[in-house]
PDB file of all heavy atoms in Angstrom:
ATOM      1  N   ASP A   1      -1.281  48.065-139.897  1.00  0.00           N
ATOM      2  CA  ASP A   1      -0.915  49.505-139.852  1.00  0.00           C
ATOM      3  C   ASP A   1       0.458  49.864-139.634  1.00  0.00           C
ATOM      4  O   ASP A   1       0.836  50.976-139.122  1.00  0.00           O
ATOM      5  CB  ASP A   1      -1.835  50.138-138.737  1.00  0.00           C
ATOM      6  CG  ASP A   1      -3.291  50.230-138.992  1.00  0.00           C
ATOM      7  OD1 ASP A   1      -3.577  50.105-140.212  1.00  0.00           O
ATOM      8  OD2 ASP A   1      -4.076  50.361-138.123  1.00  0.00           O
ATOM      9  N   GLU A   2       1.430  48.903-139.997  1.00  0.00           N
ATOM     10  CA  GLU A   2       2.829  49.150-139.879  1.00  0.00           C
ATOM     11  C   GLU A   2       3.236  49.511-138.472  1.00  0.00           C
ATOM     12  O   GLU A   2       3.872  50.521-138.307  1.00  0.00           O
ATOM     13  CB  GLU A   2       3.267  50.159-140.900  1.00  0.00           C
ATOM     14  CG  GLU A   2       3.009  49.743-142.324  1.00  0.00           C
ATOM     15  CD  GLU A   2       3.719  50.634-143.366  1.00  0.00           C
ATOM     16  OE1 GLU A   2       4.419  51.617-142.850  1.00  0.00           O
ATOM     17  OE2 GLU A   2       3.517  50.515-144.507  1.00  0.00           O
ATOM     18  N   LEU A   3       2.639  48.731-137.484  1.00  0.00           N
ATOM     19  CA  LEU A   3       3.107  49.049-136.042  1.00  0.00           C
ATOM     20  C   LEU A   3       4.551  48.768-135.905  1.00  0.00           C
ATOM     21  O   LEU A   3       5.096  47.884-136.387  1.00  0.00           O
ATOM     22  CB  LEU A   3       2.266  48.142-135.178  1.00  0.00           C
ATOM     23  CG  LEU A   3       0.786  48.438-134.943  1.00  0.00           C
ATOM     24  CD1 LEU A   3       0.024  47.240-134.258  1.00  0.00           C
ATOM     25  CD2 LEU A   3       0.684  49.693-134.017  1.00  0.00           C
ATOM     26  N   ASP A   4       5.119  49.576-135.109  1.00  0.00           N
ATOM     27  CA  ASP A   4       6.492  49.371-134.694  1.00  0.00           C
ATOM     28  C   ASP A   4       6.524  48.545-133.428  1.00  0.00           C
ATOM     29  O   ASP A   4       6.172  48.965-132.352  1.00  0.00           O
ATOM     30  CB  ASP A   4       7.253  50.729-134.436  1.00  0.00           C
ATOM     31  CG  ASP A   4       8.689  50.556-134.132  1.00  0.00           C
ATOM     32  OD1 ASP A   4       9.181  49.369-133.954  1.00  0.00           O
ATOM     33  OD2 ASP A   4       9.398  51.601-134.040  1.00  0.00           O
ATOM     34  N   ILE A   5       6.840  47.244-133.574  1.00  0.00           N
ATOM     35  CA  ILE A   5       6.710  46.278-132.549  1.00  0.00           C
ATOM     36  C   ILE A   5       7.618  46.691-131.342  1.00  0.00           C
ATOM     37  O   ILE A   5       7.239  46.376-130.165  1.00  0.00           O
ATOM     38  CB  ILE A   5       7.005  44.870-133.010  1.00  0.00           C
ATOM     39  CG1 ILE A   5       6.188  44.594-134.240  1.00  0.00           C
ATOM     40  CG2 ILE A   5       6.766  43.798-131.921  1.00  0.00           C
ATOM     41  CD1 ILE A   5       4.762  44.771-134.004  1.00  0.00           C
ATOM     42  N   SER A   6       8.718  47.298-131.512  1.00  0.00           N
ATOM     43  CA  SER A   6       9.676  47.625-130.505  1.00  0.00           C
ATOM     44  C   SER A   6       9.088  48.614-129.484  1.00  0.00           C
ATOM     45  O   SER A   6       9.549  48.773-128.424  1.00  0.00           O
ATOM     46  CB  SER A   6      10.943  48.148-131.156  1.00  0.00           C
ATOM     47  OG  SER A   6      10.735  49.394-131.802  1.00  0.00           O
ATOM     48  N   SER A   7       7.918  49.343-129.900  1.00  0.00           N
ATOM     49  CA  SER A   7       7.466  50.352-128.899  1.00  0.00           C
ATOM     50  C   SER A   7       6.414  49.699-128.100  1.00  0.00           C
ATOM     51  O   SER A   7       5.859  50.424-127.219  1.00  0.00           O
ATOM     52  CB  SER A   7       6.754  51.457-129.845  1.00  0.00           C
ATOM     53  OG  SER A   7       5.692  50.926-130.587  1.00  0.00           O
ATOM     54  N   PHE A   8       6.153  48.380-128.207  1.00  0.00           N
ATOM     55  CA  PHE A   8       5.125  47.786-127.238  1.00  0.00           C
ATOM     56  C   PHE A   8       5.739  47.627-125.842  1.00  0.00           C
ATOM     57  O   PHE A   8       6.905  47.294-125.785  1.00  0.00           O
ATOM     58  CB  PHE A   8       4.650  46.451-127.784  1.00  0.00           C
ATOM     59  CG  PHE A   8       3.530  46.482-128.694  1.00  0.00           C
ATOM     60  CD1 PHE A   8       3.456  47.361-129.752  1.00  0.00           C
ATOM     61  CD2 PHE A   8       2.439  45.620-128.347  1.00  0.00           C
ATOM     62  CE1 PHE A   8       2.397  47.423-130.563  1.00  0.00           C
ATOM     63  CE2 PHE A   8       1.245  45.716-129.183  1.00  0.00           C
ATOM     64  CZ  PHE A   8       1.241  46.550-130.286  1.00  0.00           C
ATOM     65  N   PRO A   9       5.039  47.840-124.816  1.00  0.00           N
ATOM     66  CA  PRO A   9       5.574  47.703-123.531  1.00  0.00           C
ATOM     67  C   PRO A   9       6.045  46.295-123.207  1.00  0.00           C
ATOM     68  O   PRO A   9       5.298  45.285-123.374  1.00  0.00           O
ATOM     69  CB  PRO A   9       4.406  48.089-122.604  1.00  0.00           C
ATOM     70  CG  PRO A   9       3.501  48.857-123.438  1.00  0.00           C
ATOM     71  CD  PRO A   9       3.577  48.331-124.879  1.00  0.00           C
ATOM     72  N   THR A  10       7.242  46.120-122.736  1.00  0.00           N
ATOM     73  CA  THR A  10       7.755  44.781-122.441  1.00  0.00           C
ATOM     74  C   THR A  10       7.000  44.156-121.227  1.00  0.00           C
ATOM     75  O   THR A  10       6.785  42.931-121.236  1.00  0.00           O
ATOM     76  CB  THR A  10       9.298  44.911-122.132  1.00  0.00           C
ATOM     77  OG1 THR A  10       9.903  45.596-123.147  1.00  0.00           O
ATOM     78  CG2 THR A  10       9.883  43.569-121.784  1.00  0.00           C
ATOM     79  N   GLU A  11       6.704  44.915-120.327  1.00  0.00           N
ATOM     80  CA  GLU A  11       6.010  44.492-119.104  1.00  0.00           C
ATOM     81  C   GLU A  11       4.746  43.873-119.491  1.00  0.00           C
ATOM     82  O   GLU A  11       4.307  42.835-119.006  1.00  0.00           O
ATOM     83  CB  GLU A  11       5.850  45.611-118.064  1.00  0.00           C
ATOM     84  CG  GLU A  11       5.123  45.227-116.720  1.00  0.00           C
ATOM     85  CD  GLU A  11       3.638  45.601-116.933  1.00  0.00           C
ATOM     86  OE1 GLU A  11       3.225  46.422-117.705  1.00  0.00           O
ATOM     87  OE2 GLU A  11       2.893  44.959-116.167  1.00  0.00           O
ATOM     88  N   LEU A  12       3.947  44.445-120.453  1.00  0.00           N
ATOM     89  CA  LEU A  12       2.668  43.906-120.842  1.00  0.00           C
ATOM     90  C   LEU A  12       2.860  42.537-121.635  1.00  0.00           C
ATOM     91  O   LEU A  12       2.149  41.643-121.354  1.00  0.00           O
ATOM     92  CB  LEU A  12       1.933  44.952-121.804  1.00  0.00           C
ATOM     93  CG  LEU A  12       0.570  44.467-122.469  1.00  0.00           C
ATOM     94  CD1 LEU A  12      -0.428  44.232-121.259  1.00  0.00           C
ATOM     95  CD2 LEU A  12       0.063  45.529-123.420  1.00  0.00           C
ATOM     96  N   ARG A  13       3.847  42.495-122.410  1.00  0.00           N
ATOM     97  CA  ARG A  13       4.087  41.264-123.155  1.00  0.00           C
ATOM     98  C   ARG A  13       4.431  40.090-122.337  1.00  0.00           C
ATOM     99  O   ARG A  13       3.997  38.948-122.484  1.00  0.00           O
ATOM    100  CB  ARG A  13       5.232  41.440-124.190  1.00  0.00           C
ATOM    101  CG  ARG A  13       4.884  42.578-125.332  1.00  0.00           C
ATOM    102  CD  ARG A  13       5.812  42.632-126.415  1.00  0.00           C
ATOM    103  NE  ARG A  13       5.850  41.318-127.172  1.00  0.00           N
ATOM    104  CZ  ARG A  13       6.595  41.148-128.228  1.00  0.00           C
ATOM    105  NH1 ARG A  13       7.543  42.084-128.593  1.00  0.00           N
ATOM    106  NH2 ARG A  13       6.501  40.015-128.905  1.00  0.00           N
ATOM    107  N   GLN A  14       5.156  40.403-121.188  1.00  0.00           N
ATOM    108  CA  GLN A  14       5.519  39.330-120.267  1.00  0.00           C
ATOM    109  C   GLN A  14       4.304  38.818-119.468  1.00  0.00           C
ATOM    110  O   GLN A  14       4.049  37.645-119.251  1.00  0.00           O
ATOM    111  CB  GLN A  14       6.564  39.863-119.265  1.00  0.00           C
ATOM    112  CG  GLN A  14       7.908  40.171-119.889  1.00  0.00           C
ATOM    113  CD  GLN A  14       8.854  40.765-118.856  1.00  0.00           C
ATOM    114  OE1 GLN A  14       8.535  41.279-117.774  1.00  0.00           O
ATOM    115  NE2 GLN A  14      10.215  40.769-119.356  1.00  0.00           N
ATOM    116  N   ARG A  15       3.358  39.815-119.188  1.00  0.00           N
ATOM    117  CA  ARG A  15       2.144  39.433-118.544  1.00  0.00           C
ATOM    118  C   ARG A  15       1.256  38.558-119.354  1.00  0.00           C
ATOM    119  O   ARG A  15       0.574  37.563-118.864  1.00  0.00           O
ATOM    120  CB  ARG A  15       1.388  40.575-117.948  1.00  0.00           C
ATOM    121  CG  ARG A  15       2.061  41.260-116.783  1.00  0.00           C
ATOM    122  CD  ARG A  15       1.085  42.302-116.127  1.00  0.00           C
ATOM    123  NE  ARG A  15       1.018  43.532-116.852  1.00  0.00           N
ATOM    124  CZ  ARG A  15      -0.084  44.043-117.317  1.00  0.00           C
ATOM    125  NH1 ARG A  15      -1.297  43.438-117.113  1.00  0.00           N
ATOM    126  NH2 ARG A  15      -0.082  45.183-118.046  1.00  0.00           N
ATOM    127  N   VAL A  16       1.171  39.011-120.707  1.00  0.00           N
ATOM    128  CA  VAL A  16       0.364  38.179-121.640  1.00  0.00           C
ATOM    129  C   VAL A  16       0.914  36.725-121.835  1.00  0.00           C
ATOM    130  O   VAL A  16       0.108  35.750-121.791  1.00  0.00           O
ATOM    131  CB  VAL A  16       0.269  38.873-122.962  1.00  0.00           C
ATOM    132  CG1 VAL A  16      -0.345  38.059-124.040  1.00  0.00           C
ATOM    133  CG2 VAL A  16      -0.447  40.168-122.784  1.00  0.00           C
ATOM    134  N   ARG A  17       2.150  36.567-121.845  1.00  0.00           N
ATOM    135  CA  ARG A  17       2.694  35.233-122.087  1.00  0.00           C
ATOM    136  C   ARG A  17       2.547  34.430-120.806  1.00  0.00           C
ATOM    137  O   ARG A  17       2.371  33.083-120.939  1.00  0.00           O
ATOM    138  CB  ARG A  17       4.234  35.329-122.310  1.00  0.00           C
ATOM    139  CG  ARG A  17       4.522  35.956-123.633  1.00  0.00           C
ATOM    140  CD  ARG A  17       6.081  36.224-123.757  1.00  0.00           C
ATOM    141  NE  ARG A  17       6.502  36.873-125.029  1.00  0.00           N
ATOM    142  CZ  ARG A  17       7.712  37.237-125.418  1.00  0.00           C
ATOM    143  NH1 ARG A  17       8.723  36.845-124.524  1.00  0.00           N
ATOM    144  NH2 ARG A  17       7.911  37.741-126.532  1.00  0.00           N
ATOM    145  N   ALA A  18       2.461  34.956-119.680  1.00  0.00           N
ATOM    146  CA  ALA A  18       2.364  34.183-118.509  1.00  0.00           C
ATOM    147  C   ALA A  18       0.845  33.962-118.000  1.00  0.00           C
ATOM    148  O   ALA A  18       0.697  33.354-116.950  1.00  0.00           O
ATOM    149  CB  ALA A  18       3.212  34.815-117.392  1.00  0.00           C
ATOM    150  N   SER A  19      -0.043  34.714-118.607  1.00  0.00           N
ATOM    151  CA  SER A  19      -1.418  34.725-118.114  1.00  0.00           C
ATOM    152  C   SER A  19      -2.384  33.968-119.138  1.00  0.00           C
ATOM    153  O   SER A  19      -2.125  34.011-120.390  1.00  0.00           O
ATOM    154  CB  SER A  19      -1.801  36.095-117.733  1.00  0.00           C
ATOM    155  OG  SER A  19      -3.235  36.092-117.427  1.00  0.00           O
ATOM    156  N   ASP A  20      -3.529  33.606-118.687  1.00  0.00           N
ATOM    157  CA  ASP A  20      -4.666  33.065-119.632  1.00  0.00           C
ATOM    158  C   ASP A  20      -5.790  34.017-119.586  1.00  0.00           C
ATOM    159  O   ASP A  20      -6.800  33.661-120.123  1.00  0.00           O
ATOM    160  CB  ASP A  20      -5.179  31.689-119.062  1.00  0.00           C
ATOM    161  CG  ASP A  20      -4.031  30.598-119.189  1.00  0.00           C
ATOM    162  OD1 ASP A  20      -3.296  30.792-120.210  1.00  0.00           O
ATOM    163  OD2 ASP A  20      -4.033  29.702-118.412  1.00  0.00           O
ATOM    164  N   ILE A  21      -5.679  35.169-119.050  1.00  0.00           N
ATOM    165  CA  ILE A  21      -6.713  36.188-119.115  1.00  0.00           C
ATOM    166  C   ILE A  21      -6.335  37.373-119.962  1.00  0.00           C
ATOM    167  O   ILE A  21      -5.187  37.511-120.414  1.00  0.00           O
ATOM    168  CB  ILE A  21      -7.143  36.714-117.715  1.00  0.00           C
ATOM    169  CG1 ILE A  21      -5.833  37.340-117.059  1.00  0.00           C
ATOM    170  CG2 ILE A  21      -7.673  35.516-116.807  1.00  0.00           C
ATOM    171  CD1 ILE A  21      -6.309  37.995-115.722  1.00  0.00           C
ATOM    172  N   VAL A  22      -7.275  38.315-120.189  1.00  0.00           N
ATOM    173  CA  VAL A  22      -6.876  39.497-121.068  1.00  0.00           C
ATOM    174  C   VAL A  22      -6.244  40.423-120.225  1.00  0.00           C
ATOM    175  O   VAL A  22      -6.602  40.838-119.071  1.00  0.00           O
ATOM    176  CB  VAL A  22      -8.281  40.082-121.619  1.00  0.00           C
ATOM    177  CG1 VAL A  22      -7.915  41.371-122.302  1.00  0.00           C
ATOM    178  CG2 VAL A  22      -9.001  39.032-122.493  1.00  0.00           C
ATOM    179  N   GLU A  23      -5.021  40.893-120.703  1.00  0.00           N
ATOM    180  CA  GLU A  23      -4.217  41.992-120.079  1.00  0.00           C
ATOM    181  C   GLU A  23      -4.342  43.274-120.828  1.00  0.00           C
ATOM    182  O   GLU A  23      -4.437  43.194-122.065  1.00  0.00           O
ATOM    183  CB  GLU A  23      -2.784  41.557-119.869  1.00  0.00           C
ATOM    184  CG  GLU A  23      -2.586  40.257-119.182  1.00  0.00           C
ATOM    185  CD  GLU A  23      -2.885  40.420-117.549  1.00  0.00           C
ATOM    186  OE1 GLU A  23      -2.908  41.556-117.221  1.00  0.00           O
ATOM    187  OE2 GLU A  23      -2.963  39.452-116.920  1.00  0.00           O
ATOM    188  N   TYR A  24      -4.302  44.398-120.280  1.00  0.00           N
ATOM    189  CA  TYR A  24      -4.336  45.628-120.994  1.00  0.00           C
ATOM    190  C   TYR A  24      -3.456  46.686-120.394  1.00  0.00           C
ATOM    191  O   TYR A  24      -2.989  46.596-119.180  1.00  0.00           O
ATOM    192  CB  TYR A  24      -5.853  46.222-121.001  1.00  0.00           C
ATOM    193  CG  TYR A  24      -6.235  46.684-119.724  1.00  0.00           C
ATOM    194  CD1 TYR A  24      -6.134  48.094-119.407  1.00  0.00           C
ATOM    195  CD2 TYR A  24      -6.925  45.832-118.797  1.00  0.00           C
ATOM    196  CE1 TYR A  24      -6.632  48.557-118.159  1.00  0.00           C
ATOM    197  CE2 TYR A  24      -7.324  46.289-117.658  1.00  0.00           C
ATOM    198  CZ  TYR A  24      -7.211  47.677-117.242  1.00  0.00           C
ATOM    199  OH  TYR A  24      -7.617  48.152-116.038  1.00  0.00           O
ATOM    200  N   LYS A  25      -3.206  47.656-121.188  1.00  0.00           N
ATOM    201  CA  LYS A  25      -2.277  48.811-120.740  1.00  0.00           C
ATOM    202  C   LYS A  25      -2.463  50.062-121.717  1.00  0.00           C
ATOM    203  O   LYS A  25      -2.573  49.826-122.935  1.00  0.00           O
ATOM    204  CB  LYS A  25      -0.789  48.417-120.620  1.00  0.00           C
ATOM    205  CG  LYS A  25       0.083  49.397-120.044  1.00  0.00           C
ATOM    206  CD  LYS A  25       1.482  48.871-119.942  1.00  0.00           C
ATOM    207  CE  LYS A  25       2.457  49.936-119.370  1.00  0.00           C
ATOM    208  NZ  LYS A  25       2.112  50.225-117.937  1.00  0.00           N
ATOM    209  N   TYR A  26      -2.403  51.292-121.166  1.00  0.00           N
ATOM    210  CA  TYR A  26      -2.378  52.478-121.954  1.00  0.00           C
ATOM    211  C   TYR A  26      -0.850  52.749-122.291  1.00  0.00           C
ATOM    212  O   TYR A  26      -0.092  52.659-121.412  1.00  0.00           O
ATOM    213  CB  TYR A  26      -2.914  53.739-121.167  1.00  0.00           C
ATOM    214  CG  TYR A  26      -4.401  53.601-121.136  1.00  0.00           C
ATOM    215  CD1 TYR A  26      -5.077  53.251-119.862  1.00  0.00           C
ATOM    216  CD2 TYR A  26      -5.319  53.980-122.138  1.00  0.00           C
ATOM    217  CE1 TYR A  26      -6.425  53.164-119.700  1.00  0.00           C
ATOM    218  CE2 TYR A  26      -6.682  53.919-121.984  1.00  0.00           C
ATOM    219  CZ  TYR A  26      -7.227  53.545-120.831  1.00  0.00           C
ATOM    220  OH  TYR A  26      -8.567  53.506-120.672  1.00  0.00           O
ATOM    221  N   ALA A  27      -0.582  53.042-123.443  1.00  0.00           N
ATOM    222  CA  ALA A  27       0.782  53.315-123.897  1.00  0.00           C
ATOM    223  C   ALA A  27       0.854  54.143-125.061  1.00  0.00           C
ATOM    224  O   ALA A  27      -0.237  54.423-125.788  1.00  0.00           O
ATOM    225  CB  ALA A  27       1.532  51.936-124.228  1.00  0.00           C
ATOM    226  N   THR A  28       1.918  54.572-125.484  1.00  0.00           N
ATOM    227  CA  THR A  28       2.312  55.313-126.678  1.00  0.00           C
ATOM    228  C   THR A  28       3.103  54.426-127.648  1.00  0.00           C
ATOM    229  O   THR A  28       4.160  53.962-127.237  1.00  0.00           O
ATOM    230  CB  THR A  28       3.079  56.665-126.356  1.00  0.00           C
ATOM    231  OG1 THR A  28       2.339  57.450-125.492  1.00  0.00           O
ATOM    232  CG2 THR A  28       3.307  57.389-127.592  1.00  0.00           C
ATOM    233  N   VAL A  29       2.503  54.188-128.793  1.00  0.00           N
ATOM    234  CA  VAL A  29       3.151  53.308-129.803  1.00  0.00           C
ATOM    235  C   VAL A  29       3.554  54.115-131.009  1.00  0.00           C
ATOM    236  O   VAL A  29       2.967  55.162-131.320  1.00  0.00           O
ATOM    237  CB  VAL A  29       2.220  52.117-130.153  1.00  0.00           C
ATOM    238  CG1 VAL A  29       1.928  51.308-128.962  1.00  0.00           C
ATOM    239  CG2 VAL A  29       0.983  52.715-130.855  1.00  0.00           C
ATOM    240  N   LYS A  30       4.532  53.494-131.705  1.00  0.00           N
ATOM    241  CA  LYS A  30       4.969  54.152-132.915  1.00  0.00           C
ATOM    242  C   LYS A  30       4.528  53.398-134.113  1.00  0.00           C
ATOM    243  O   LYS A  30       4.323  52.193-134.114  1.00  0.00           O
ATOM    244  CB  LYS A  30       6.548  54.103-132.928  1.00  0.00           C
ATOM    245  CG  LYS A  30       7.100  54.942-131.708  1.00  0.00           C
ATOM    246  CD  LYS A  30       8.606  54.867-131.797  1.00  0.00           C
ATOM    247  CE  LYS A  30       9.279  55.670-130.590  1.00  0.00           C
ATOM    248  NZ  LYS A  30      10.714  55.684-130.654  1.00  0.00           N
ATOM    249  N   TYR A  31       4.231  54.174-135.190  1.00  0.00           N
ATOM    250  CA  TYR A  31       3.927  53.674-136.484  1.00  0.00           C
ATOM    251  C   TYR A  31       4.937  54.079-137.544  1.00  0.00           C
ATOM    252  O   TYR A  31       5.670  55.125-137.375  1.00  0.00           O
ATOM    253  CB  TYR A  31       2.460  54.208-136.921  1.00  0.00           C
ATOM    254  CG  TYR A  31       1.378  53.772-136.031  1.00  0.00           C
ATOM    255  CD1 TYR A  31       1.029  54.515-134.892  1.00  0.00           C
ATOM    256  CD2 TYR A  31       0.693  52.695-136.434  1.00  0.00           C
ATOM    257  CE1 TYR A  31       0.016  54.145-134.174  1.00  0.00           C
ATOM    258  CE2 TYR A  31      -0.346  52.259-135.676  1.00  0.00           C
ATOM    259  CZ  TYR A  31      -0.711  52.934-134.482  1.00  0.00           C
ATOM    260  OH  TYR A  31      -1.773  52.506-133.696  1.00  0.00           O
ATOM    261  N   LYS A  32       5.140  53.280-138.534  1.00  0.00           N
ATOM    262  CA  LYS A  32       6.113  53.582-139.513  1.00  0.00           C
ATOM    263  C   LYS A  32       5.652  54.539-140.551  1.00  0.00           C
ATOM    264  O   LYS A  32       6.386  55.143-141.228  1.00  0.00           O
ATOM    265  CB  LYS A  32       6.556  52.225-140.188  1.00  0.00           C
ATOM    266  CG  LYS A  32       7.197  51.217-139.231  1.00  0.00           C
ATOM    267  CD  LYS A  32       7.586  49.931-139.984  1.00  0.00           C
ATOM    268  CE  LYS A  32       8.143  49.025-139.012  1.00  0.00           C
ATOM    269  NZ  LYS A  32       8.449  47.676-139.624  1.00  0.00           N
TER     270      LYS A  32
END
């Protein structure tokens, strides 16, 4: 869907990389 990766929350990406469980967050993302 041509997601703009830069709009993803940095804090969520850090938690996903450091965890073995499902992490989630409500956010506003951009599309091209």
